[in-house]
Structures are given as structure tokens and as C-alpha cells.
Amino acid sequence: MASKKKAAGKTAQSTPAEPVFTKEQLVHSKAFSHQKDILMAILDADKTYTKAQVEKLVSEFLKRKV
């Protein structure tokens, strides 16, 4: 039993969580400075997003049919 607890503990520590950001933080970030208008339109102010999630949402927004 003790070995299972140690193994589970190591797994949790070896995979750090990706940082999450608010809509406001992302709009003011340098990484998305050229896409501020898109971020304002597609992100929800009450949610938090990872950088990967935002990149995917922006990509889907740009590829959509008009």
C-alpha cells in the first residue's frame, strides 16, 4: 500500500499544472497583442484559460466561415 501512495505522489509532482489566465490578463499580454479584438469577442470574462486553449480558440475563430 505504501508504494502506491508514493507512486501517486510522484506522478502528481512530475506534471506541473499549466498556468491559467483571465480574459483581462490575456487581452493585455504581449503574446496576444495583435489579437486583442478577437480575444475581446471570444473569451468569457468569468472563465480562465490556458495559453493553449486561447491559441486553439483564436485559430478556430480565424478559420470559421463568414
C-alpha atoms as a PDB file:
ATOM      1  CA  MET A   1       0.000   0.000   0.000  1.00  0.00           C
ATOM      2  CA  ALA A   2       2.776   2.428   0.827  1.00  0.00           C
ATOM      3  CA  SER A   3       4.293   2.036  -2.628  1.00  0.00           C
ATOM      4  CA  LYS A   4       1.020   3.040  -4.271  1.00  0.00           C
ATOM      5  CA  LYS A   5       0.885   6.265  -2.292  1.00  0.00           C
ATOM      6  CA  LYS A   6       4.455   7.133  -3.236  1.00  0.00           C
ATOM      7  CA  ALA A   7       3.828   6.404  -6.896  1.00  0.00           C
ATOM      8  CA  ALA A   8       0.725   8.567  -6.929  1.00  0.00           C
ATOM      9  CA  GLY A   9       2.597  11.392  -5.205  1.00  0.00           C
ATOM     10  CA  LYS A  10       5.419  11.291  -7.734  1.00  0.00           C
ATOM     11  CA  THR A  11       3.002  11.433 -10.649  1.00  0.00           C
ATOM     12  CA  ALA A  12       1.259  14.495  -9.286  1.00  0.00           C
ATOM     13  CA  GLN A  13       4.538  16.312  -8.702  1.00  0.00           C
ATOM     14  CA  SER A  14       6.110  15.461 -12.044  1.00  0.00           C
ATOM     15  CA  THR A  15       3.294  17.015 -14.098  1.00  0.00           C
ATOM     16  CA  PRO A  16       3.059  20.702 -13.205  1.00  0.00           C
ATOM     17  CA  ALA A  17      -0.245  22.380 -13.970  1.00  0.00           C
ATOM     18  CA  GLU A  18      -0.341  24.793 -16.880  1.00  0.00           C
ATOM     19  CA  PRO A  19      -0.874  28.383 -15.739  1.00  0.00           C
ATOM     20  CA  VAL A  20      -4.318  29.846 -16.352  1.00  0.00           C
ATOM     21  CA  PHE A  21      -5.164  33.438 -17.194  1.00  0.00           C
ATOM     22  CA  THR A  22      -8.223  35.665 -17.104  1.00  0.00           C
ATOM     23  CA  LYS A  23      -9.622  37.441 -20.142  1.00  0.00           C
ATOM     24  CA  GLU A  24      -8.187  40.727 -18.873  1.00  0.00           C
ATOM     25  CA  GLN A  25      -4.688  39.274 -18.474  1.00  0.00           C
ATOM     26  CA  LEU A  26      -4.749  37.759 -21.951  1.00  0.00           C
ATOM     27  CA  VAL A  27      -6.000  40.949 -23.619  1.00  0.00           C
ATOM     28  CA  HIS A  28      -3.120  42.903 -22.071  1.00  0.00           C
ATOM     29  CA  SER A  29      -0.456  40.255 -22.738  1.00  0.00           C
ATOM     30  CA  LYS A  30       2.286  40.767 -25.313  1.00  0.00           C
ATOM     31  CA  ALA A  31       1.753  37.245 -26.661  1.00  0.00           C
ATOM     32  CA  PHE A  32      -1.715  38.138 -27.960  1.00  0.00           C
ATOM     33  CA  SER A  33      -1.239  41.871 -28.574  1.00  0.00           C
ATOM     34  CA  HIS A  34      -2.132  41.585 -32.270  1.00  0.00           C
ATOM     35  CA  GLN A  35      -5.361  39.696 -31.474  1.00  0.00           C
ATOM     36  CA  LYS A  36      -6.919  41.889 -28.778  1.00  0.00           C
ATOM     37  CA  ASP A  37     -10.163  42.409 -30.674  1.00  0.00           C
ATOM     38  CA  ILE A  38     -10.580  38.685 -31.260  1.00  0.00           C
ATOM     39  CA  LEU A  39      -9.929  37.933 -27.587  1.00  0.00           C
ATOM     40  CA  MET A  40     -12.490  40.524 -26.521  1.00  0.00           C
ATOM     41  CA  ALA A  41     -15.072  38.854 -28.758  1.00  0.00           C
ATOM     42  CA  ILE A  42     -14.465  35.175 -27.994  1.00  0.00           C
ATOM     43  CA  LEU A  43     -13.377  34.989 -24.342  1.00  0.00           C
ATOM     44  CA  ASP A  44     -15.713  34.952 -21.354  1.00  0.00           C
ATOM     45  CA  ALA A  45     -14.763  37.326 -18.532  1.00  0.00           C
ATOM     46  CA  ASP A  46     -15.840  34.802 -15.882  1.00  0.00           C
ATOM     47  CA  LYS A  47     -13.580  31.973 -17.102  1.00  0.00           C
ATOM     48  CA  THR A  48      -9.858  31.285 -17.036  1.00  0.00           C
ATOM     49  CA  TYR A  49      -7.900  29.891 -19.963  1.00  0.00           C
ATOM     50  CA  THR A  50      -4.534  28.287 -20.631  1.00  0.00           C
ATOM     51  CA  LYS A  51      -2.362  29.647 -23.414  1.00  0.00           C
ATOM     52  CA  ALA A  52      -3.031  26.502 -25.468  1.00  0.00           C
ATOM     53  CA  GLN A  53      -6.798  26.902 -25.076  1.00  0.00           C
ATOM     54  CA  VAL A  54      -6.662  30.518 -26.239  1.00  0.00           C
ATOM     55  CA  GLU A  55      -4.481  29.657 -29.226  1.00  0.00           C
ATOM     56  CA  LYS A  56      -6.976  26.955 -30.236  1.00  0.00           C
ATOM     57  CA  LEU A  57      -9.978  29.287 -29.819  1.00  0.00           C
ATOM     58  CA  VAL A  58      -8.297  32.038 -31.861  1.00  0.00           C
ATOM     59  CA  SER A  59      -7.339  29.560 -34.577  1.00  0.00           C
ATOM     60  CA  GLU A  60     -10.903  28.229 -34.787  1.00  0.00           C
ATOM     61  CA  PHE A  61     -12.248  31.788 -34.888  1.00  0.00           C
ATOM     62  CA  LEU A  62      -9.962  32.732 -37.772  1.00  0.00           C
ATOM     63  CA  LYS A  63     -10.830  29.581 -39.758  1.00  0.00           C
ATOM     64  CA  ARG A  64     -14.601  29.877 -39.410  1.00  0.00           C
ATOM     65  CA  LYS A  65     -16.820  30.569 -42.405  1.00  0.00           C
ATOM     66  CA  VAL A  66     -18.247  34.052 -42.730  1.00  0.00           C
END
